């Protein structure tokens, strides 16, 4: 089904890509086979054979065939020279360095207090009668 879709897109030669209704009409897809058609479009887009542009499909880059490279047989391997093992081992003494600095505790940041606002006093004026 996927090969048929790729052929249909190539034959329609639409500049902006072939839409779903155009592809269905060209391939004469029945309602019973619609799910197969849609699945083939999806797999074609995942593989890169088709590229989805808005609601249409264009031909994607065709996958290149991999060349089979024959490997040459390696020449006869030489045996590595036997390694000399030493029976005496030297041990390195590890000295633990003591830090002279004692851990310092950081002081908690103190918040600055804003100056207290003065309360406004309301003067009552006595009315003269």
N, C-alpha and C. Protein backbone atom coordinates (compact mmCIF):
# COMPACT_ATOMS: atom_id res chain seq x y z
N UNK A 1 0.82 -1.18 0.00
CA UNK A 1 0.00 0.00 0.00
C UNK A 1 0.87 1.25 0.00
N UNK A 2 1.98 1.20 0.74
CA UNK A 2 2.87 2.35 0.83
C UNK A 2 3.51 2.66 -0.53
N UNK A 3 3.88 1.63 -1.26
CA UNK A 3 4.49 1.83 -2.58
C UNK A 3 3.49 2.50 -3.52
N UNK A 4 2.21 2.10 -3.40
CA UNK A 4 1.18 2.69 -4.24
C UNK A 4 0.99 4.17 -3.92
N UNK A 5 1.06 4.52 -2.66
CA UNK A 5 0.91 5.92 -2.25
C UNK A 5 2.06 6.75 -2.79
N UNK A 6 3.28 6.22 -2.70
CA UNK A 6 4.45 6.94 -3.20
C UNK A 6 4.33 7.16 -4.71
N UNK A 7 3.86 6.14 -5.42
CA UNK A 7 3.66 6.28 -6.87
C UNK A 7 2.59 7.31 -7.18
N UNK A 8 1.51 7.32 -6.39
CA UNK A 8 0.42 8.26 -6.62
C UNK A 8 0.87 9.70 -6.40
N UNK A 9 1.65 9.93 -5.36
CA UNK A 9 2.16 11.28 -5.09
C UNK A 9 3.08 11.72 -6.22
N UNK A 10 3.90 10.79 -6.73
CA UNK A 10 4.82 11.11 -7.82
C UNK A 10 4.05 11.41 -9.10
N UNK A 11 2.98 10.70 -9.38
CA UNK A 11 2.21 10.90 -10.61
C UNK A 11 1.35 12.16 -10.56
N UNK A 12 0.85 12.51 -9.38
CA UNK A 12 0.01 13.71 -9.27
C UNK A 12 0.82 14.99 -9.47
N UNK A 13 2.07 14.98 -9.09
CA UNK A 13 2.99 16.10 -9.31
C UNK A 13 2.42 17.45 -8.88
N UNK A 14 1.80 17.49 -7.72
CA UNK A 14 1.28 18.75 -7.22
C UNK A 14 2.38 19.50 -6.50
N UNK A 15 2.43 20.80 -6.69
CA UNK A 15 3.51 21.61 -6.16
C UNK A 15 3.50 21.65 -4.62
N UNK A 16 2.36 21.82 -4.03
CA UNK A 16 2.25 21.91 -2.58
C UNK A 16 2.07 20.58 -1.91
N UNK A 17 2.11 19.51 -2.65
CA UNK A 17 1.89 18.18 -2.10
C UNK A 17 0.48 17.70 -2.41
N UNK A 18 0.27 16.43 -2.30
CA UNK A 18 -1.03 15.83 -2.61
C UNK A 18 -1.84 15.68 -1.34
N UNK A 19 -3.08 16.14 -1.37
CA UNK A 19 -3.94 16.07 -0.20
C UNK A 19 -4.54 14.68 -0.05
N UNK A 20 -5.11 14.42 1.12
CA UNK A 20 -5.73 13.11 1.37
C UNK A 20 -6.86 12.82 0.39
N UNK A 21 -7.80 13.76 0.19
CA UNK A 21 -8.87 13.45 -0.75
C UNK A 21 -8.38 13.18 -2.18
N UNK A 22 -7.33 13.91 -2.59
CA UNK A 22 -6.79 13.69 -3.94
C UNK A 22 -6.15 12.31 -4.04
N UNK A 23 -5.43 11.91 -3.01
CA UNK A 23 -4.81 10.58 -3.03
C UNK A 23 -5.86 9.47 -3.00
N UNK A 24 -6.90 9.65 -2.16
CA UNK A 24 -7.96 8.64 -2.08
C UNK A 24 -8.69 8.49 -3.41
N UNK A 25 -8.93 9.62 -4.07
CA UNK A 25 -9.63 9.60 -5.35
C UNK A 25 -8.76 8.94 -6.41
N UNK A 26 -7.46 9.25 -6.40
CA UNK A 26 -6.55 8.71 -7.39
C UNK A 26 -6.38 7.20 -7.21
N UNK A 27 -6.33 6.75 -5.95
CA UNK A 27 -6.11 5.33 -5.68
C UNK A 27 -7.41 4.55 -5.54
N UNK A 28 -8.53 5.24 -5.50
CA UNK A 28 -9.86 4.63 -5.35
C UNK A 28 -9.93 3.77 -4.09
N UNK A 29 -9.71 4.43 -2.95
CA UNK A 29 -9.72 3.76 -1.65
C UNK A 29 -11.15 3.66 -1.16
N UNK A 30 -11.56 2.44 -0.75
CA UNK A 30 -12.90 2.23 -0.19
C UNK A 30 -12.89 2.66 1.28
N UNK A 31 -14.09 2.81 1.82
CA UNK A 31 -14.21 3.16 3.23
C UNK A 31 -13.70 2.02 4.12
N UNK A 32 -13.79 0.79 3.62
CA UNK A 32 -13.34 -0.36 4.40
C UNK A 32 -11.82 -0.40 4.54
N UNK A 33 -11.11 0.13 3.55
CA UNK A 33 -9.65 0.08 3.57
C UNK A 33 -9.02 1.42 4.00
N UNK A 34 -9.85 2.31 4.51
CA UNK A 34 -9.37 3.64 4.88
C UNK A 34 -8.32 3.55 5.99
N UNK A 35 -8.51 2.69 6.98
CA UNK A 35 -7.57 2.58 8.09
C UNK A 35 -6.20 2.08 7.62
N UNK A 36 -6.19 1.22 6.62
CA UNK A 36 -4.93 0.72 6.07
C UNK A 36 -4.21 1.84 5.33
N UNK A 37 -4.99 2.63 4.60
CA UNK A 37 -4.45 3.77 3.85
C UNK A 37 -3.81 4.79 4.80
N UNK A 38 -4.51 5.12 5.88
CA UNK A 38 -4.00 6.10 6.83
C UNK A 38 -2.75 5.59 7.56
N UNK A 39 -2.74 4.30 7.88
CA UNK A 39 -1.57 3.71 8.53
C UNK A 39 -0.36 3.73 7.59
N UNK A 40 -0.59 3.47 6.31
CA UNK A 40 0.50 3.50 5.33
C UNK A 40 1.07 4.91 5.19
N UNK A 41 0.20 5.91 5.24
CA UNK A 41 0.67 7.30 5.18
C UNK A 41 1.54 7.63 6.40
N UNK A 42 1.10 7.17 7.56
CA UNK A 42 1.83 7.45 8.79
C UNK A 42 3.21 6.79 8.78
N UNK A 43 3.27 5.52 8.35
CA UNK A 43 4.55 4.83 8.32
C UNK A 43 5.47 5.42 7.26
N UNK A 44 4.89 5.88 6.16
CA UNK A 44 5.69 6.54 5.12
C UNK A 44 6.31 7.82 5.62
N UNK A 45 5.56 8.56 6.44
CA UNK A 45 6.09 9.79 7.01
C UNK A 45 7.18 9.50 8.04
N UNK A 46 7.03 8.42 8.82
CA UNK A 46 8.03 8.05 9.81
C UNK A 46 9.32 7.59 9.15
N UNK A 47 9.22 6.84 8.07
CA UNK A 47 10.40 6.32 7.38
C UNK A 47 11.11 7.40 6.57
N UNK A 48 10.40 8.47 6.22
CA UNK A 48 11.01 9.54 5.45
C UNK A 48 10.69 9.47 3.97
N UNK A 49 9.87 8.49 3.56
CA UNK A 49 9.49 8.41 2.16
C UNK A 49 8.54 9.54 1.79
N UNK A 50 7.70 9.93 2.74
CA UNK A 50 6.75 11.02 2.55
C UNK A 50 7.01 12.09 3.59
N UNK A 51 6.75 13.34 3.19
CA UNK A 51 6.90 14.46 4.11
C UNK A 51 5.55 15.14 4.21
N UNK A 52 5.07 15.30 5.45
CA UNK A 52 3.77 15.92 5.66
C UNK A 52 3.94 17.44 5.68
N UNK A 53 3.23 18.12 4.78
CA UNK A 53 3.23 19.57 4.72
C UNK A 53 1.80 20.01 4.90
N UNK A 54 1.54 20.64 6.06
CA UNK A 54 0.19 21.06 6.45
C UNK A 54 -0.74 19.84 6.37
N UNK A 55 -1.66 19.79 5.39
CA UNK A 55 -2.58 18.66 5.29
C UNK A 55 -2.29 17.83 4.04
N UNK A 56 -1.09 17.99 3.47
CA UNK A 56 -0.73 17.30 2.24
C UNK A 56 0.56 16.50 2.44
N UNK A 57 0.84 15.68 1.45
CA UNK A 57 2.04 14.84 1.51
C UNK A 57 2.87 15.04 0.26
N UNK A 58 4.19 15.23 0.46
CA UNK A 58 5.14 15.35 -0.64
C UNK A 58 6.09 14.15 -0.56
N UNK A 59 6.81 13.94 -1.65
CA UNK A 59 7.82 12.89 -1.64
C UNK A 59 9.01 13.35 -0.81
N UNK A 60 9.49 12.48 0.02
CA UNK A 60 10.65 12.78 0.83
C UNK A 60 11.90 12.28 0.14
N UNK A 61 13.02 12.40 0.81
CA UNK A 61 14.27 11.89 0.26
C UNK A 61 14.21 10.37 0.27
N UNK A 62 14.49 9.79 -0.86
CA UNK A 62 14.47 8.34 -0.96
C UNK A 62 15.67 7.78 -0.20
N UNK A 63 15.47 6.72 0.54
CA UNK A 63 16.59 6.16 1.30
C UNK A 63 17.65 5.60 0.36
N UNK A 64 18.90 5.88 0.70
CA UNK A 64 20.00 5.40 -0.13
C UNK A 64 20.27 3.94 0.19
N UNK A 65 20.66 3.21 -0.84
CA UNK A 65 20.98 1.81 -0.63
C UNK A 65 22.36 1.72 0.00
N UNK A 66 22.48 0.88 0.99
CA UNK A 66 23.76 0.73 1.67
C UNK A 66 24.66 -0.17 0.83
N UNK A 67 25.89 0.27 0.69
CA UNK A 67 26.85 -0.53 -0.06
C UNK A 67 27.41 -1.61 0.85
N UNK A 68 27.55 -2.79 0.30
CA UNK A 68 28.09 -3.90 1.07
C UNK A 68 29.60 -3.87 0.89
N UNK A 69 30.29 -3.68 1.99
CA UNK A 69 31.75 -3.63 1.94
C UNK A 69 32.29 -4.94 2.48
N UNK A 70 33.09 -5.58 1.67
CA UNK A 70 33.68 -6.85 2.09
C UNK A 70 34.93 -6.55 2.90
N UNK A 71 35.02 -7.20 4.04
CA UNK A 71 36.18 -7.00 4.90
C UNK A 71 37.27 -7.98 4.50
N UNK A 72 38.49 -7.45 4.45
CA UNK A 72 39.63 -8.30 4.12
C UNK A 72 40.02 -9.09 5.36
N UNK A 73 40.50 -10.27 5.10
CA UNK A 73 40.94 -11.10 6.22
C UNK A 73 42.23 -10.51 6.77
N UNK A 74 42.32 -10.38 8.07
CA UNK A 74 43.54 -9.81 8.64
C UNK A 74 44.72 -10.76 8.45
N UNK A 75 45.89 -10.17 8.35
CA UNK A 75 47.10 -10.98 8.20
C UNK A 75 47.32 -11.77 9.48
N UNK A 76 48.17 -12.76 9.38
CA UNK A 76 48.44 -13.61 10.55
C UNK A 76 48.90 -12.74 11.70
N UNK A 77 48.27 -12.93 12.83
CA UNK A 77 48.58 -12.10 13.99
C UNK A 77 49.85 -12.61 14.66
N UNK A 78 50.67 -11.63 15.06
CA UNK A 78 51.88 -11.99 15.78
C UNK A 78 51.54 -12.10 17.26
N UNK A 79 52.20 -13.01 17.90
CA UNK A 79 51.97 -13.18 19.32
C UNK A 79 52.69 -12.07 20.07
N UNK A 80 52.02 -11.45 21.00
CA UNK A 80 52.70 -10.38 21.75
C UNK A 80 53.77 -10.96 22.66
N UNK A 81 54.80 -10.18 22.87
CA UNK A 81 55.89 -10.63 23.73
C UNK A 81 55.37 -10.80 25.15
N UNK A 82 55.90 -11.82 25.83
CA UNK A 82 55.45 -12.09 27.18
C UNK A 82 55.88 -10.94 28.09
N UNK A 83 54.98 -10.49 28.93
CA UNK A 83 55.28 -9.39 29.83
C UNK A 83 56.04 -9.92 31.04
N UNK A 84 57.01 -9.16 31.46
CA UNK A 84 57.76 -9.55 32.63
C UNK A 84 57.00 -9.07 33.86
N UNK A 85 56.87 -9.95 34.80
CA UNK A 85 56.18 -9.59 36.04
C UNK A 85 57.20 -9.43 37.14
N UNK A 86 57.01 -8.43 37.94
CA UNK A 86 57.94 -8.21 39.04
C UNK A 86 57.33 -8.78 40.31
N UNK A 87 58.18 -9.38 41.11
CA UNK A 87 57.69 -10.00 42.33
C UNK A 87 57.65 -9.02 43.48
N UNK A 88 58.45 -7.98 43.40
CA UNK A 88 58.45 -7.02 44.49
C UNK A 88 57.48 -5.90 44.15
N UNK A 89 56.71 -5.54 45.15
CA UNK A 89 55.78 -4.45 44.94
C UNK A 89 56.09 -3.36 45.92
N UNK A 90 55.92 -2.15 45.50
CA UNK A 90 56.17 -1.03 46.39
C UNK A 90 54.85 -0.45 46.82
N UNK A 91 54.79 -0.15 48.09
CA UNK A 91 53.56 0.43 48.62
C UNK A 91 53.80 1.90 48.88
N UNK A 92 52.85 2.67 48.49
CA UNK A 92 52.94 4.10 48.73
C UNK A 92 52.25 4.41 50.03
N UNK A 93 52.92 5.24 50.82
CA UNK A 93 52.31 5.62 52.08
C UNK A 93 51.38 6.80 51.83
N UNK A 94 50.22 6.67 52.38
CA UNK A 94 49.24 7.74 52.23
C UNK A 94 49.23 8.54 53.52
N UNK A 95 49.39 9.82 53.37
CA UNK A 95 49.34 10.67 54.55
C UNK A 95 48.05 11.47 54.51
N UNK A 96 47.39 11.47 55.62
CA UNK A 96 46.13 12.20 55.70
C UNK A 96 46.45 13.64 56.08
N UNK A 97 45.96 14.55 55.29
CA UNK A 97 46.19 15.96 55.58
C UNK A 97 45.06 16.46 56.47
N UNK A 98 45.47 17.09 57.55
CA UNK A 98 44.47 17.65 58.43
C UNK A 98 44.31 19.12 58.10
N UNK A 99 43.09 19.54 58.03
CA UNK A 99 42.86 20.94 57.71
C UNK A 99 43.02 21.78 58.97
N UNK A 100 43.70 22.88 58.83
CA UNK A 100 43.94 23.76 59.98
C UNK A 100 42.76 24.69 60.21
N UNK A 101 41.92 24.83 59.24
CA UNK A 101 40.78 25.73 59.37
C UNK A 101 39.65 25.01 60.09
N UNK A 102 39.06 25.71 61.02
CA UNK A 102 37.90 25.13 61.68
C UNK A 102 36.66 25.58 60.92
N UNK A 103 35.64 24.77 60.91
CA UNK A 103 34.45 25.16 60.16
C UNK A 103 33.84 26.41 60.77
N UNK A 104 33.52 27.37 59.93
CA UNK A 104 32.94 28.62 60.41
C UNK A 104 31.46 28.60 60.17
N UNK A 105 30.75 29.16 61.12
CA UNK A 105 29.30 29.23 60.96
C UNK A 105 28.95 30.59 60.43
N UNK A 106 28.07 30.60 59.49
CA UNK A 106 27.63 31.86 58.90
C UNK A 106 26.53 32.45 59.75
N UNK A 107 26.60 33.75 59.90
CA UNK A 107 25.57 34.43 60.66
C UNK A 107 24.34 34.59 59.80
N UNK A 108 23.21 34.47 60.43
CA UNK A 108 21.96 34.62 59.69
C UNK A 108 21.81 36.08 59.30
N UNK A 109 21.33 36.32 58.14
CA UNK A 109 21.15 37.69 57.64
C UNK A 109 20.06 38.38 58.45
N UNK A 110 20.36 39.57 58.89
CA UNK A 110 19.37 40.32 59.68
C UNK A 110 18.67 41.30 58.78
N UNK A 111 17.41 41.44 59.00
CA UNK A 111 16.63 42.36 58.19
C UNK A 111 16.69 43.75 58.82
N UNK A 112 16.81 44.72 57.97
CA UNK A 112 16.82 46.10 58.45
C UNK A 112 15.40 46.54 58.72
N UNK A 113 15.23 47.16 59.85
CA UNK A 113 13.89 47.64 60.19
C UNK A 113 13.70 49.03 59.62
N UNK A 114 12.55 49.23 59.01
CA UNK A 114 12.26 50.56 58.48
C UNK A 114 11.80 51.43 59.64
N UNK A 115 12.09 52.73 59.56
CA UNK A 115 11.69 53.60 60.67
C UNK A 115 10.17 53.62 60.80
N UNK A 116 9.71 53.67 62.05
CA UNK A 116 8.27 53.65 62.32
C UNK A 116 7.63 54.92 61.79
N UNK A 117 6.48 54.76 61.19
CA UNK A 117 5.77 55.91 60.64
C UNK A 117 5.07 56.64 61.77
N UNK A 118 5.08 57.93 61.65
CA UNK A 118 4.42 58.73 62.67
C UNK A 118 2.93 58.74 62.41
N UNK A 119 2.21 58.66 63.49
CA UNK A 119 0.76 58.70 63.37
C UNK A 119 0.33 60.15 63.28
N UNK A 120 -0.60 60.37 62.41
CA UNK A 120 -1.12 61.73 62.26
C UNK A 120 -2.16 61.98 63.34
N UNK A 121 -2.03 63.11 63.95
CA UNK A 121 -3.03 63.47 64.96
C UNK A 121 -4.02 64.42 64.35
N UNK A 122 -5.23 64.16 64.62
CA UNK A 122 -6.30 65.01 64.10
C UNK A 122 -6.73 65.95 65.21
N UNK A 123 -6.65 67.21 64.92
CA UNK A 123 -7.06 68.19 65.92
C UNK A 123 -8.54 68.49 65.73
N UNK A 124 -9.22 68.46 66.79
CA UNK A 124 -10.64 68.78 66.73
C UNK A 124 -10.79 70.28 67.02
N UNK A 125 -11.46 70.91 66.15
CA UNK A 125 -11.69 72.34 66.32
C UNK A 125 -13.05 72.55 66.95
N UNK A 126 -13.05 73.25 68.02
CA UNK A 126 -14.30 73.51 68.70
C UNK A 126 -15.06 74.60 67.95
N UNK A 127 -16.28 74.32 67.71
CA UNK A 127 -17.10 75.29 66.98
C UNK A 127 -17.62 76.34 67.94
N UNK A 128 -17.56 77.54 67.52
CA UNK A 128 -18.11 78.65 68.33
C UNK A 128 -19.55 78.86 67.93
N UNK A 129 -20.34 79.00 68.95
CA UNK A 129 -21.76 79.19 68.68
C UNK A 129 -22.19 80.60 68.81
